[in-house]
PDB file of N, CA and C in Angstrom:
ATOM      1  N   LYS A   1      80.135-102.734 172.631  1.00  0.00           N
ATOM      2  CA  LYS A   1      80.082-101.448 172.301  1.00  0.00           C
ATOM      3  C   LYS A   1      78.660-100.996 172.132  1.00  0.00           C
ATOM      4  N   GLU A   2      78.280 -99.885 172.653  1.00  0.00           N
ATOM      5  CA  GLU A   2      76.905 -99.329 172.507  1.00  0.00           C
ATOM      6  C   GLU A   2      76.909 -98.172 171.600  1.00  0.00           C
ATOM      7  N   ILE A   3      75.752 -98.125 170.847  1.00  0.00           N
ATOM      8  CA  ILE A   3      75.468 -96.970 169.953  1.00  0.00           C
ATOM      9  C   ILE A   3      74.215 -96.276 170.489  1.00  0.00           C
ATOM     10  N   ASP A   4      74.303 -94.974 170.682  1.00  0.00           N
ATOM     11  CA  ASP A   4      73.208 -94.196 171.077  1.00  0.00           C
ATOM     12  C   ASP A   4      72.371 -93.793 169.940  1.00  0.00           C
ATOM     13  N   ILE A   5      71.276 -94.435 169.716  1.00  0.00           N
ATOM     14  CA  ILE A   5      70.402 -94.173 168.487  1.00  0.00           C
ATOM     15  C   ILE A   5      69.187 -93.409 169.046  1.00  0.00           C
ATOM     16  N   GLN A   6      68.954 -92.220 168.536  1.00  0.00           N
ATOM     17  CA  GLN A   6      67.845 -91.415 168.938  1.00  0.00           C
ATOM     18  C   GLN A   6      66.739 -91.340 167.900  1.00  0.00           C
ATOM     19  N   VAL A   7      66.890 -92.188 166.921  1.00  0.00           N
ATOM     20  CA  VAL A   7      65.804 -92.334 165.892  1.00  0.00           C
ATOM     21  C   VAL A   7      65.498 -93.803 165.792  1.00  0.00           C
ATOM     22  N   SER A   8      64.557 -94.127 164.987  1.00  0.00           N
ATOM     23  CA  SER A   8      64.137 -95.560 164.851  1.00  0.00           C
ATOM     24  C   SER A   8      65.398 -96.284 164.185  1.00  0.00           C
ATOM     25  N   VAL A   9      65.466 -97.579 164.501  1.00  0.00           N
ATOM     26  CA  VAL A   9      66.540 -98.384 163.900  1.00  0.00           C
ATOM     27  C   VAL A   9      66.437 -98.411 162.424  1.00  0.00           C
ATOM     28  N   LYS A  10      65.196 -98.408 161.863  1.00  0.00           N
ATOM     29  CA  LYS A  10      65.002 -98.381 160.399  1.00  0.00           C
ATOM     30  C   LYS A  10      65.562 -97.118 159.758  1.00  0.00           C
ATOM     31  N   VAL A  11      65.308 -95.992 160.336  1.00  0.00           N
ATOM     32  CA  VAL A  11      65.772 -94.775 159.822  1.00  0.00           C
ATOM     33  C   VAL A  11      67.318 -94.697 159.987  1.00  0.00           C
ATOM     34  N   TYR A  12      67.850 -95.150 161.079  1.00  0.00           N
ATOM     35  CA  TYR A  12      69.292 -95.170 161.281  1.00  0.00           C
ATOM     36  C   TYR A  12      70.030 -96.008 160.294  1.00  0.00           C
ATOM     37  N   LEU A  13      69.522 -97.243 160.041  1.00  0.00           N
ATOM     38  CA  LEU A  13      70.124 -98.137 159.057  1.00  0.00           C
ATOM     39  C   LEU A  13      70.069 -97.581 157.698  1.00  0.00           C
ATOM     40  N   TYR A  14      68.909 -96.969 157.369  1.00  0.00           N
ATOM     41  CA  TYR A  14      68.742 -96.361 156.009  1.00  0.00           C
ATOM     42  C   TYR A  14      69.758 -95.274 155.853  1.00  0.00           C
ATOM     43  N   GLN A  15      69.907 -94.454 156.821  1.00  0.00           N
ATOM     44  CA  GLN A  15      70.946 -93.305 156.736  1.00  0.00           C
ATOM     45  C   GLN A  15      72.351 -93.887 156.615  1.00  0.00           C
ATOM     46  N   ALA A  16      72.646 -94.918 157.397  1.00  0.00           N
ATOM     47  CA  ALA A  16      73.948 -95.463 157.416  1.00  0.00           C
ATOM     48  C   ALA A  16      74.335 -96.089 156.072  1.00  0.00           C
ATOM     49  N   VAL A  17      73.385 -96.802 155.482  1.00  0.00           N
ATOM     50  CA  VAL A  17      73.596 -97.421 154.169  1.00  0.00           C
ATOM     51  C   VAL A  17      73.647 -96.359 153.096  1.00  0.00           C
ATOM     52  N   ARG A  18      72.809 -95.325 153.128  1.00  0.00           N
ATOM     53  CA  ARG A  18      72.907 -94.205 152.230  1.00  0.00           C
ATOM     54  C   ARG A  18      74.201 -93.516 152.249  1.00  0.00           C
ATOM     55  N   ASN A  19      74.641 -93.166 153.484  1.00  0.00           N
ATOM     56  CA  ASN A  19      75.981 -92.544 153.572  1.00  0.00           C
ATOM     57  C   ASN A  19      77.118 -93.363 153.119  1.00  0.00           C
ATOM     58  N   GLN A  20      77.129 -94.638 153.354  1.00  0.00           N
ATOM     59  CA  GLN A  20      78.206 -95.545 152.932  1.00  0.00           C
ATOM     60  C   GLN A  20      78.178 -95.583 151.344  1.00  0.00           C
ATOM     61  N   SER A  21      77.007 -95.659 150.819  1.00  0.00           N
ATOM     62  CA  SER A  21      76.859 -95.673 149.344  1.00  0.00           C
ATOM     63  C   SER A  21      77.361 -94.447 148.735  1.00  0.00           C
ATOM     64  N   LEU A  22      77.013 -93.276 149.224  1.00  0.00           N
ATOM     65  CA  LEU A  22      77.445 -91.983 148.757  1.00  0.00           C
ATOM     66  C   LEU A  22      78.994 -91.925 148.901  1.00  0.00           C
ATOM     67  N   ASN A  23      79.577 -92.337 149.994  1.00  0.00           N
ATOM     68  CA  ASN A  23      80.986 -92.398 150.193  1.00  0.00           C
ATOM     69  C   ASN A  23      81.661 -93.206 149.140  1.00  0.00           C
ATOM     70  N   LEU A  24      81.130 -94.373 148.824  1.00  0.00           N
ATOM     71  CA  LEU A  24      81.639 -95.236 147.831  1.00  0.00           C
ATOM     72  C   LEU A  24      81.631 -94.623 146.439  1.00  0.00           C
ATOM     73  N   LEU A  25      80.495 -94.009 146.113  1.00  0.00           N
ATOM     74  CA  LEU A  25      80.410 -93.270 144.810  1.00  0.00           C
ATOM     75  C   LEU A  25      81.422 -92.177 144.682  1.00  0.00           C
ATOM     76  N   ASP A  26      81.595 -91.461 145.794  1.00  0.00           N
ATOM     77  CA  ASP A  26      82.656 -90.379 145.792  1.00  0.00           C
ATOM     78  C   ASP A  26      84.032 -90.976 145.552  1.00  0.00           C
ATOM     79  N   LYS A  27      84.337 -92.068 146.177  1.00  0.00           N
ATOM     80  CA  LYS A  27      85.586 -92.702 146.078  1.00  0.00           C
ATOM     81  C   LYS A  27      85.837 -93.191 144.589  1.00  0.00           C
ATOM     82  N   GLN A  28      84.757 -93.791 144.046  1.00  0.00           N
ATOM     83  CA  GLN A  28      84.898 -94.263 142.661  1.00  0.00           C
ATOM     84  C   GLN A  28      85.095 -93.092 141.704  1.00  0.00           C
ATOM     85  N   LYS A  29      84.349 -92.015 141.947  1.00  0.00           N
ATOM     86  CA  LYS A  29      84.529 -90.845 141.030  1.00  0.00           C
ATOM     87  C   LYS A  29      85.966 -90.291 141.133  1.00  0.00           C
ATOM     88  N   ASN A  30      86.507 -90.240 142.332  1.00  0.00           N
ATOM     89  CA  ASN A  30      87.880 -89.784 142.504  1.00  0.00           C
ATOM     90  C   ASN A  30      88.878 -90.655 141.869  1.00  0.00           C
ATOM     91  N   GLN A  31      88.735 -92.023 141.970  1.00  0.00           N
ATOM     92  CA  GLN A  31      89.555 -92.952 141.323  1.00  0.00           C
ATOM     93  C   GLN A  31      89.494 -92.777 139.813  1.00  0.00           C
ATOM     94  N   GLN A  32      88.296 -92.619 139.278  1.00  0.00           N
ATOM     95  CA  GLN A  32      88.143 -92.466 137.789  1.00  0.00           C
ATOM     96  C   GLN A  32      88.802 -91.196 137.377  1.00  0.00           C
ATOM     97  N   ARG A  33      88.684 -90.095 138.070  1.00  0.00           N
ATOM     98  CA  ARG A  33      89.299 -88.834 137.762  1.00  0.00           C
ATOM     99  C   ARG A  33      90.876 -89.031 137.743  1.00  0.00           C
ATOM    100  N   LEU A  34      91.359 -89.685 138.790  1.00  0.00           N
ATOM    101  CA  LEU A  34      92.793 -89.893 138.846  1.00  0.00           C
ATOM    102  C   LEU A  34      93.278 -90.746 137.680  1.00  0.00           C
ATOM    103  N   ARG A  35      92.529 -91.767 137.314  1.00  0.00           N
ATOM    104  CA  ARG A  35      92.877 -92.601 136.104  1.00  0.00           C
ATOM    105  C   ARG A  35      92.867 -91.821 134.868  1.00  0.00           C
ATOM    106  N   GLU A  36      91.875 -90.885 134.685  1.00  0.00           N
ATOM    107  CA  GLU A  36      91.781 -90.153 133.474  1.00  0.00           C
ATOM    108  C   GLU A  36      92.913 -89.229 133.400  1.00  0.00           C
ATOM    109  N   ASN A  37      93.262 -88.506 134.483  1.00  0.00           N
ATOM    110  CA  ASN A  37      94.400 -87.623 134.533  1.00  0.00           C
ATOM    111  C   ASN A  37      95.704 -88.345 134.224  1.00  0.00           C
ATOM    112  N   PHE A  38      95.847 -89.522 134.763  1.00  0.00           N
ATOM    113  CA  PHE A  38      97.053 -90.326 134.605  1.00  0.00           C
ATOM    114  C   PHE A  38      97.101 -90.662 133.106  1.00  0.00           C
ATOM    115  N   LEU A  39      96.019 -91.126 132.545  1.00  0.00           N
ATOM    116  CA  LEU A  39      96.068 -91.620 131.178  1.00  0.00           C
ATOM    117  C   LEU A  39      96.297 -90.440 130.217  1.00  0.00           C
ATOM    118  N   SER A  40      95.740 -89.240 130.459  1.00  0.00           N
ATOM    119  CA  SER A  40      96.021 -88.110 129.578  1.00  0.00           C
ATOM    120  C   SER A  40      97.517 -87.679 129.737  1.00  0.00           C
ATOM    121  N   GLU A  41      98.057 -87.834 130.908  1.00  0.00           N
ATOM    122  CA  GLU A  41      99.523 -87.495 131.005  1.00  0.00           C
ATOM    123  C   GLU A  41     100.311 -88.525 130.265  1.00  0.00           C
ATOM    124  N   ILE A  42      99.941 -89.798 130.314  1.00  0.00           N
ATOM    125  CA  ILE A  42     100.686 -90.817 129.579  1.00  0.00           C
ATOM    126  C   ILE A  42     100.570 -90.658 128.063  1.00  0.00           C
ATOM    127  N   LYS A  43      99.456 -90.263 127.661  1.00  0.00           N
ATOM    128  CA  LYS A  43      99.224 -90.052 126.129  1.00  0.00           C
ATOM    129  C   LYS A  43     100.159 -88.950 125.666  1.00  0.00           C
ATOM    130  N   SER A  44     100.407 -87.995 126.550  1.00  0.00           N
ATOM    131  CA  SER A  44     101.196 -86.852 126.105  1.00  0.00           C
ATOM    132  C   SER A  44     102.699 -87.091 126.149  1.00  0.00           C
ATOM    133  N   ILE A  45     103.108 -88.217 126.693  1.00  0.00           N
ATOM    134  CA  ILE A  45     104.535 -88.544 126.758  1.00  0.00           C
ATOM    135  C   ILE A  45     104.958 -89.138 125.452  1.00  0.00           C
ATOM    136  N   ARG A  46     106.112 -88.741 124.895  1.00  0.00           N
ATOM    137  CA  ARG A  46     106.587 -89.276 123.703  1.00  0.00           C
ATOM    138  C   ARG A  46     107.403 -90.580 123.995  1.00  0.00           C
ATOM    139  N   VAL A  47     107.432 -91.416 123.097  1.00  0.00           N
ATOM    140  CA  VAL A  47     108.179 -92.668 123.271  1.00  0.00           C
ATOM    141  C   VAL A  47     109.639 -92.314 123.192  1.00  0.00           C
ATOM    142  N   GLU A  48     110.443 -92.525 124.292  1.00  0.00           N
ATOM    143  CA  GLU A  48     111.842 -92.175 124.218  1.00  0.00           C
ATOM    144  C   GLU A  48     112.576 -93.068 123.283  1.00  0.00           C
ATOM    145  N   GLY A  49     113.570 -92.482 122.655  1.00  0.00           N
ATOM    146  CA  GLY A  49     114.410 -93.297 121.776  1.00  0.00           C
ATOM    147  C   GLY A  49     113.772 -93.519 120.330  1.00  0.00           C
ATOM    148  N   PHE A  50     112.580 -93.052 120.142  1.00  0.00           N
ATOM    149  CA  PHE A  50     111.962 -93.321 118.809  1.00  0.00           C
ATOM    150  C   PHE A  50     112.181 -92.131 117.886  1.00  0.00           C
ATOM    151  N   GLU A  51     113.077 -92.281 116.944  1.00  0.00           N
ATOM    152  CA  GLU A  51     113.381 -91.217 116.081  1.00  0.00           C
ATOM    153  C   GLU A  51     113.031 -91.727 114.593  1.00  0.00           C
ATOM    154  N   GLU A  52     112.069 -91.114 113.996  1.00  0.00           N
ATOM    155  CA  GLU A  52     111.687 -91.513 112.669  1.00  0.00           C
ATOM    156  C   GLU A  52     112.795 -91.440 111.679  1.00  0.00           C
ATOM    157  N   SER A  53     113.690 -90.469 111.828  1.00  0.00           N
ATOM    158  CA  SER A  53     114.823 -90.244 110.896  1.00  0.00           C
ATOM    159  C   SER A  53     115.787 -91.433 110.923  1.00  0.00           C
ATOM    160  N   ASN A  54     115.814 -92.167 111.995  1.00  0.00           N
ATOM    161  CA  ASN A  54     116.716 -93.364 112.053  1.00  0.00           C
ATOM    162  C   ASN A  54     116.093 -94.625 111.469  1.00  0.00           C
ATOM    163  N   LEU A  55     114.846 -94.569 110.933  1.00  0.00           N
ATOM    164  CA  LEU A  55     114.223 -95.718 110.503  1.00  0.00           C
ATOM    165  C   LEU A  55     114.048 -95.594 108.943  1.00  0.00           C
ATOM    166  N   ASN A  56     114.000 -96.747 108.251  1.00  0.00           N
ATOM    167  CA  ASN A  56     113.741 -96.712 106.830  1.00  0.00           C
ATOM    168  C   ASN A  56     112.183 -96.731 106.647  1.00  0.00           C
ATOM    169  N   THR A  57     111.802 -96.540 105.422  1.00  0.00           N
ATOM    170  CA  THR A  57     110.408 -96.430 105.077  1.00  0.00           C
ATOM    171  C   THR A  57     109.565 -97.680 105.526  1.00  0.00           C
ATOM    172  N   GLU A  58     110.160 -98.838 105.254  1.00  0.00           N
ATOM    173  CA  GLU A  58     109.463-100.071 105.618  1.00  0.00           C
ATOM    174  C   GLU A  58     109.233-100.150 107.134  1.00  0.00           C
ATOM    175  N   GLN A  59     110.269 -99.826 107.898  1.00  0.00           N
ATOM    176  CA  GLN A  59     110.128 -99.818 109.315  1.00  0.00           C
ATOM    177  C   GLN A  59     109.093 -98.859 109.837  1.00  0.00           C
ATOM    178  N   ILE A  60     109.047 -97.721 109.247  1.00  0.00           N
ATOM    179  CA  ILE A  60     108.089 -96.682 109.647  1.00  0.00           C
ATOM    180  C   ILE A  60     106.604 -97.192 109.309  1.00  0.00           C
ATOM    181  N   GLU A  61     106.507 -97.769 108.192  1.00  0.00           N
ATOM    182  CA  GLU A  61     105.143 -98.358 107.805  1.00  0.00           C
ATOM    183  C   GLU A  61     104.782 -99.450 108.733  1.00  0.00           C
ATOM    184  N   LEU A  62     105.732-100.304 109.073  1.00  0.00           N
ATOM    185  CA  LEU A  62     105.440-101.415 110.033  1.00  0.00           C
ATOM    186  C   LEU A  62     104.957-100.832 111.404  1.00  0.00           C
ATOM    187  N   ILE A  63     105.651 -99.851 111.885  1.00  0.00           N
ATOM    188  CA  ILE A  63     105.317 -99.238 113.162  1.00  0.00           C
ATOM    189  C   ILE A  63     103.919 -98.591 113.035  1.00  0.00           C
ATOM    190  N   LYS A  64     103.595 -97.921 111.974  1.00  0.00           N
ATOM    191  CA  LYS A  64     102.253 -97.298 111.818  1.00  0.00           C
ATOM    192  C   LYS A  64     101.187 -98.392 111.812  1.00  0.00           C
ATOM    193  N   LYS A  65     101.478 -99.507 111.020  1.00  0.00           N
ATOM    194  CA  LYS A  65     100.538-100.568 110.986  1.00  0.00           C
ATOM    195  C   LYS A  65     100.318-101.211 112.415  1.00  0.00           C
ATOM    196  N   VAL A  66     101.355-101.436 113.120  1.00  0.00           N
ATOM    197  CA  VAL A  66     101.176-101.998 114.495  1.00  0.00           C
ATOM    198  C   VAL A  66     100.326-101.055 115.376  1.00  0.00           C
ATOM    199  N   TRP A  67     100.601 -99.808 115.353  1.00  0.00           N
ATOM    200  CA  TRP A  67      99.807 -98.880 116.185  1.00  0.00           C
ATOM    201  C   TRP A  67      98.336 -98.645 115.673  1.00  0.00           C
ATOM    202  N   GLU A  68      98.109 -98.811 114.338  1.00  0.00           N
ATOM    203  CA  GLU A  68      96.804 -98.775 113.847  1.00  0.00           C
ATOM    204  C   GLU A  68      96.014 -99.994 114.281  1.00  0.00           C
ATOM    205  N   THR A  69      96.662-101.121 114.314  1.00  0.00           N
ATOM    206  CA  THR A  69      96.105-102.376 114.822  1.00  0.00           C
ATOM    207  C   THR A  69      95.931-102.290 116.297  1.00  0.00           C
ATOM    208  N   VAL A  70      96.835-101.778 117.075  1.00  0.00           N
ATOM    209  CA  VAL A  70      96.697-101.590 118.485  1.00  0.00           C
ATOM    210  C   VAL A  70      95.420-100.810 118.826  1.00  0.00           C
ATOM    211  N   ASN A  71      95.262 -99.718 118.009  1.00  0.00           N
ATOM    212  CA  ASN A  71      94.070 -98.793 118.323  1.00  0.00           C
ATOM    213  C   ASN A  71      92.794 -99.464 118.008  1.00  0.00           C
ATOM    214  N   LYS A  72      92.679-100.602 117.334  1.00  0.00           N
ATOM    215  CA  LYS A  72      91.508-101.343 117.106  1.00  0.00           C
ATOM    216  C   LYS A  72      91.163-102.300 118.195  1.00  0.00           C
ATOM    217  N   MET A  73      92.098-102.534 119.155  1.00  0.00           N
ATOM    218  CA  MET A  73      91.928-103.425 120.222  1.00  0.00           C
ATOM    219  C   MET A  73      90.821-102.867 121.196  1.00  0.00           C
ATOM    220  N   PRO A  74      90.203-103.784 121.937  1.00  0.00           N
ATOM    221  CA  PRO A  74      89.310-103.322 123.000  1.00  0.00           C
ATOM    222  C   PRO A  74      90.096-102.380 123.962  1.00  0.00           C
ATOM    223  N   GLU A  75      89.396-101.437 124.544  1.00  0.00           N
ATOM    224  CA  GLU A  75      90.039-100.367 125.272  1.00  0.00           C
ATOM    225  C   GLU A  75      91.042-100.819 126.395  1.00  0.00           C
ATOM    226  N   ARG A  76      90.540-101.797 127.231  1.00  0.00           N
ATOM    227  CA  ARG A  76      91.390-102.214 128.358  1.00  0.00           C
ATOM    228  C   ARG A  76      92.628-102.903 127.835  1.00  0.00           C
ATOM    229  N   ARG A  77      92.445-103.778 126.818  1.00  0.00           N
ATOM    230  CA  ARG A  77      93.626-104.489 126.263  1.00  0.00           C
ATOM    231  C   ARG A  77      94.580-103.510 125.672  1.00  0.00           C
ATOM    232  N   ARG A  78      94.064-102.562 124.917  1.00  0.00           N
ATOM    233  CA  ARG A  78      94.985-101.519 124.255  1.00  0.00           C
ATOM    234  C   ARG A  78      95.731-100.774 125.362  1.00  0.00           C
ATOM    235  N   LEU A  79      94.996-100.418 126.396  1.00  0.00           N
ATOM    236  CA  LEU A  79      95.612 -99.608 127.456  1.00  0.00           C
ATOM    237  C   LEU A  79      96.728-100.433 128.128  1.00  0.00           C
ATOM    238  N   VAL A  80      96.524-101.644 128.418  1.00  0.00           N
ATOM    239  CA  VAL A  80      97.563-102.514 129.036  1.00  0.00           C
ATOM    240  C   VAL A  80      98.753-102.590 128.102  1.00  0.00           C
ATOM    241  N   PHE A  81      98.489-102.846 126.842  1.00  0.00           N
ATOM    242  CA  PHE A  81      99.594-102.988 125.866  1.00  0.00           C
ATOM    243  C   PHE A  81     100.383-101.700 125.743  1.00  0.00           C
ATOM    244  N   GLU A  82      99.723-100.511 125.733  1.00  0.00           N
ATOM    245  CA  GLU A  82     100.419 -99.242 125.562  1.00  0.00           C
ATOM    246  C   GLU A  82     101.233 -98.946 126.825  1.00  0.00           C
ATOM    247  N   LEU A  83     100.624 -99.153 127.992  1.00  0.00           N
ATOM    248  CA  LEU A  83     101.356 -98.942 129.253  1.00  0.00           C
ATOM    249  C   LEU A  83     102.635 -99.762 129.330  1.00  0.00           C
ATOM    250  N   HIS A  84     102.596-100.952 128.821  1.00  0.00           N
ATOM    251  CA  HIS A  84     103.765-101.866 128.935  1.00  0.00           C
ATOM    252  C   HIS A  84     104.758-101.583 127.850  1.00  0.00           C
ATOM    253  N   ARG A  85     104.294-101.646 126.535  1.00  0.00           N
ATOM    254  CA  ARG A  85     105.204-101.517 125.423  1.00  0.00           C
ATOM    255  C   ARG A  85     105.614-100.123 125.057  1.00  0.00           C
ATOM    256  N   LYS A  86     104.714 -99.202 125.186  1.00  0.00           N
ATOM    257  CA  LYS A  86     104.953 -97.854 124.746  1.00  0.00           C
ATOM    258  C   LYS A  86     105.611 -97.010 125.838  1.00  0.00           C
ATOM    259  N   HIS A  87     105.187 -97.244 127.127  1.00  0.00           N
ATOM    260  CA  HIS A  87     105.573 -96.419 128.211  1.00  0.00           C
ATOM    261  C   HIS A  87     106.470 -97.146 129.280  1.00  0.00           C
ATOM    262  N   GLY A  88     106.713 -98.459 129.034  1.00  0.00           N
ATOM    263  CA  GLY A  88     107.627 -99.194 129.859  1.00  0.00           C
ATOM    264  C   GLY A  88     107.231 -99.567 131.259  1.00  0.00           C
ATOM    265  N   PHE A  89     105.943 -99.547 131.567  1.00  0.00           N
ATOM    266  CA  PHE A  89     105.573 -99.947 132.916  1.00  0.00           C
ATOM    267  C   PHE A  89     105.608-101.433 133.026  1.00  0.00           C
ATOM    268  N   SER A  90     105.938-101.909 134.205  1.00  0.00           N
ATOM    269  CA  SER A  90     105.964-103.315 134.499  1.00  0.00           C
ATOM    270  C   SER A  90     104.549-103.905 134.682  1.00  0.00           C
ATOM    271  N   TYR A  91     104.325-105.143 134.613  1.00  0.00           N
ATOM    272  CA  TYR A  91     103.000-105.730 134.756  1.00  0.00           C
ATOM    273  C   TYR A  91     102.545-105.380 136.204  1.00  0.00           C
ATOM    274  N   LYS A  92     103.319-105.445 137.184  1.00  0.00           N
ATOM    275  CA  LYS A  92     102.947-105.126 138.530  1.00  0.00           C
ATOM    276  C   LYS A  92     102.492-103.652 138.595  1.00  0.00           C
ATOM    277  N   GLU A  93     103.255-102.759 137.998  1.00  0.00           N
ATOM    278  CA  GLU A  93     102.804-101.284 137.989  1.00  0.00           C
ATOM    279  C   GLU A  93     101.482-101.151 137.339  1.00  0.00           C
ATOM    280  N   ILE A  94     101.256-101.797 136.195  1.00  0.00           N
ATOM    281  CA  ILE A  94     100.024-101.689 135.435  1.00  0.00           C
ATOM    282  C   ILE A  94      98.907-102.203 136.293  1.00  0.00           C
ATOM    283  N   ALA A  95      99.097-103.334 136.942  1.00  0.00           N
ATOM    284  CA  ALA A  95      98.063-103.933 137.779  1.00  0.00           C
ATOM    285  C   ALA A  95      97.670-102.925 138.884  1.00  0.00           C
ATOM    286  N   LYS A  96      98.654-102.276 139.438  1.00  0.00           N
ATOM    287  CA  LYS A  96      98.317-101.333 140.533  1.00  0.00           C
ATOM    288  C   LYS A  96      97.521-100.079 140.029  1.00  0.00           C
ATOM    289  N   ILE A  97      97.946 -99.579 138.886  1.00  0.00           N
ATOM    290  CA  ILE A  97      97.336 -98.396 138.266  1.00  0.00           C
ATOM    291  C   ILE A  97      95.904 -98.706 137.903  1.00  0.00           C
ATOM    292  N   LEU A  98      95.683 -99.853 137.295  1.00  0.00           N
ATOM    293  CA  LEU A  98      94.397-100.179 136.783  1.00  0.00           C
ATOM    294  C   LEU A  98      93.487-100.924 137.833  1.00  0.00           C
ATOM    295  N   GLU A  99      94.088-101.263 138.932  1.00  0.00           N
ATOM    296  CA  GLU A  99      93.390-102.003 139.964  1.00  0.00           C
ATOM    297  C   GLU A  99      92.904-103.281 139.454  1.00  0.00           C
ATOM    298  N   ILE A 100      93.758-104.063 138.830  1.00  0.00           N
ATOM    299  CA  ILE A 100      93.508-105.437 138.394  1.00  0.00           C
ATOM    300  C   ILE A 100      94.663-106.284 138.856  1.00  0.00           C
ATOM    301  N   THR A 101      94.524-107.600 138.742  1.00  0.00           N
ATOM    302  CA  THR A 101      95.589-108.545 139.149  1.00  0.00           C
ATOM    303  C   THR A 101      96.684-108.560 138.118  1.00  0.00           C
ATOM    304  N   VAL A 102      97.906-108.963 138.531  1.00  0.00           N
ATOM    305  CA  VAL A 102      99.029-109.126 137.556  1.00  0.00           C
ATOM    306  C   VAL A 102      98.672-110.160 136.574  1.00  0.00           C
ATOM    307  N   LYS A 103      97.946-111.236 136.970  1.00  0.00           N
ATOM    308  CA  LYS A 103      97.513-112.267 136.032  1.00  0.00           C
ATOM    309  C   LYS A 103      96.584-111.667 134.935  1.00  0.00           C
ATOM    310  N   THR A 104      95.752-110.798 135.290  1.00  0.00           N
ATOM    311  CA  THR A 104      94.912-110.175 134.333  1.00  0.00           C
ATOM    312  C   THR A 104      95.673-109.305 133.347  1.00  0.00           C
ATOM    313  N   VAL A 105      96.749-108.613 133.802  1.00  0.00           N
ATOM    314  CA  VAL A 105      97.633-107.942 132.964  1.00  0.00           C
ATOM    315  C   VAL A 105      98.284-108.867 131.964  1.00  0.00           C
ATOM    316  N   GLU A 106      98.845-110.028 132.438  1.00  0.00           N
ATOM    317  CA  GLU A 106      99.404-111.007 131.643  1.00  0.00           C
ATOM    318  C   GLU A 106      98.416-111.469 130.552  1.00  0.00           C
ATOM    319  N   ASN A 107      97.240-111.717 131.003  1.00  0.00           N
ATOM    320  CA  ASN A 107      96.204-112.199 129.970  1.00  0.00           C
ATOM    321  C   ASN A 107      95.948-111.132 128.887  1.00  0.00           C
ATOM    322  N   HIS A 108      95.816-109.902 129.284  1.00  0.00           N
ATOM    323  CA  HIS A 108      95.691-108.857 128.343  1.00  0.00           C
ATOM    324  C   HIS A 108      96.805-108.777 127.336  1.00  0.00           C
ATOM    325  N   MET A 109      98.028-108.858 127.853  1.00  0.00           N
ATOM    326  CA  MET A 109      99.177-108.756 127.012  1.00  0.00           C
ATOM    327  C   MET A 109      99.227-109.938 126.052  1.00  0.00           C
ATOM    328  N   SER A 110      98.963-111.151 126.522  1.00  0.00           N
ATOM    329  CA  SER A 110      98.951-112.315 125.666  1.00  0.00           C
ATOM    330  C   SER A 110      97.902-112.169 124.543  1.00  0.00           C
ATOM    331  N   GLN A 111      96.718-111.718 124.973  1.00  0.00           N
ATOM    332  CA  GLN A 111      95.644-111.526 123.880  1.00  0.00           C
ATOM    333  C   GLN A 111      96.065-110.433 122.928  1.00  0.00           C
ATOM    334  N   ALA A 112      96.705-109.336 123.446  1.00  0.00           N
ATOM    335  CA  ALA A 112      97.134-108.250 122.578  1.00  0.00           C
ATOM    336  C   ALA A 112      98.164-108.777 121.531  1.00  0.00           C
ATOM    337  N   LEU A 113      99.147-109.529 121.972  1.00  0.00           N
ATOM    338  CA  LEU A 113     100.178-110.006 121.093  1.00  0.00           C
ATOM    339  C   LEU A 113      99.590-110.974 120.095  1.00  0.00           C
ATOM    340  N   GLN A 114      98.663-111.878 120.512  1.00  0.00           N
ATOM    341  CA  GLN A 114      97.961-112.763 119.581  1.00  0.00           C
ATOM    342  C   GLN A 114      97.191-111.989 118.531  1.00  0.00           C
ATOM    343  N   TYR A 115      96.474-110.969 118.967  1.00  0.00           N
ATOM    344  CA  TYR A 115      95.681-110.079 117.993  1.00  0.00           C
ATOM    345  C   TYR A 115      96.608-109.450 117.033  1.00  0.00           C
ATOM    346  N   LEU A 116      97.795-109.016 117.434  1.00  0.00           N
ATOM    347  CA  LEU A 116      98.766-108.358 116.507  1.00  0.00           C
ATOM    348  C   LEU A 116      99.256-109.449 115.551  1.00  0.00           C
ATOM    349  N   ARG A 117      99.660-110.667 115.986  1.00  0.00           N
ATOM    350  CA  ARG A 117     100.033-111.721 115.172  1.00  0.00           C
ATOM    351  C   ARG A 117      99.062-112.082 114.108  1.00  0.00           C
ATOM    352  N   GLU A 118      97.787-112.031 114.476  1.00  0.00           N
ATOM    353  CA  GLU A 118      96.713-112.505 113.579  1.00  0.00           C
ATOM    354  C   GLU A 118      96.422-111.336 112.565  1.00  0.00           C
ATOM    355  N   ASN A 119      96.614-110.120 112.897  1.00  0.00           N
ATOM    356  CA  ASN A 119      96.220-109.010 112.084  1.00  0.00           C
ATOM    357  C   ASN A 119      97.368-108.304 111.303  1.00  0.00           C
ATOM    358  N   ILE A 120      98.563-108.684 111.609  1.00  0.00           N
ATOM    359  CA  ILE A 120      99.712-108.058 110.844  1.00  0.00           C
ATOM    360  C   ILE A 120     100.521-109.181 110.265  1.00  0.00           C
ATOM    361  N   GLU A 121     100.638-109.242 109.028  1.00  0.00           N
ATOM    362  CA  GLU A 121     101.434-110.202 108.401  1.00  0.00           C
ATOM    363  C   GLU A 121     102.751-109.520 108.037  1.00  0.00           C
ATOM    364  N   ILE A 122     103.758-109.710 108.794  1.00  0.00           N
ATOM    365  CA  ILE A 122     105.004-109.003 108.593  1.00  0.00           C
ATOM    366  C   ILE A 122     105.659-109.399 107.301  1.00  0.00           C
ATOM    367  N   ASN A 123     105.530-110.652 106.834  1.00  0.00           N
ATOM    368  CA  ASN A 123     106.176-111.036 105.632  1.00  0.00           C
ATOM    369  C   ASN A 123     105.599-110.257 104.441  1.00  0.00           C
ATOM    370  N   LYS A 124     104.292-109.896 104.474  1.00  0.00           N
ATOM    371  CA  LYS A 124     103.690-109.157 103.407  1.00  0.00           C
ATOM    372  C   LYS A 124     104.174-107.660 103.376  1.00  0.00           C
ATOM    373  N   LEU A 125     104.634-107.205 104.551  1.00  0.00           N
ATOM    374  CA  LEU A 125     105.143-105.871 104.558  1.00  0.00           C
ATOM    375  C   LEU A 125     106.526-105.650 104.100  1.00  0.00           C
ATOM    376  N   LYS A 126     107.272-106.757 103.962  1.00  0.00           N
ATOM    377  CA  LYS A 126     108.661-106.724 103.542  1.00  0.00           C
ATOM    378  C   LYS A 126     108.768-106.561 102.062  1.00  0.00           C
TER     379      LYS A 126
END
C-alpha cells in the first residue's frame, strides 16, 4: 500500500501522532461524560422495595450506619458496591460500565464487604 506524502516524513508523522492523540482525548472525554451522566442517573434512582415505614428503629439505624460507612470507602470501591447492592447490577454489567474486568469488580466487592465488617459491629447496634 502506498501513501502519497506531499510534506516531509517528519511533519507527516508529527501530524498523524497529534491527530491520533487528539482523537484519543476526545474519546476519553466522551466516555467520562457518559459515565458522569450514567452515575447521576443512578444516584437519582430510589432503591426499590425500601420502605422506612416497614422497618423498626434499630433496622433504620443499621441501614444508615452501613451507608455512612459505604460513603467513607474509596470512590471506585464505593461505586462498585452501590452499583451492585443498591442498584442490582451484575458484576459483568458493572465491569462493562466501568471498563474494568469482572475480577476487579469481585475484588472491589470483597474489599467493600471486609471494610463493612471491620467498621460496623452489628452486635453493638442491637
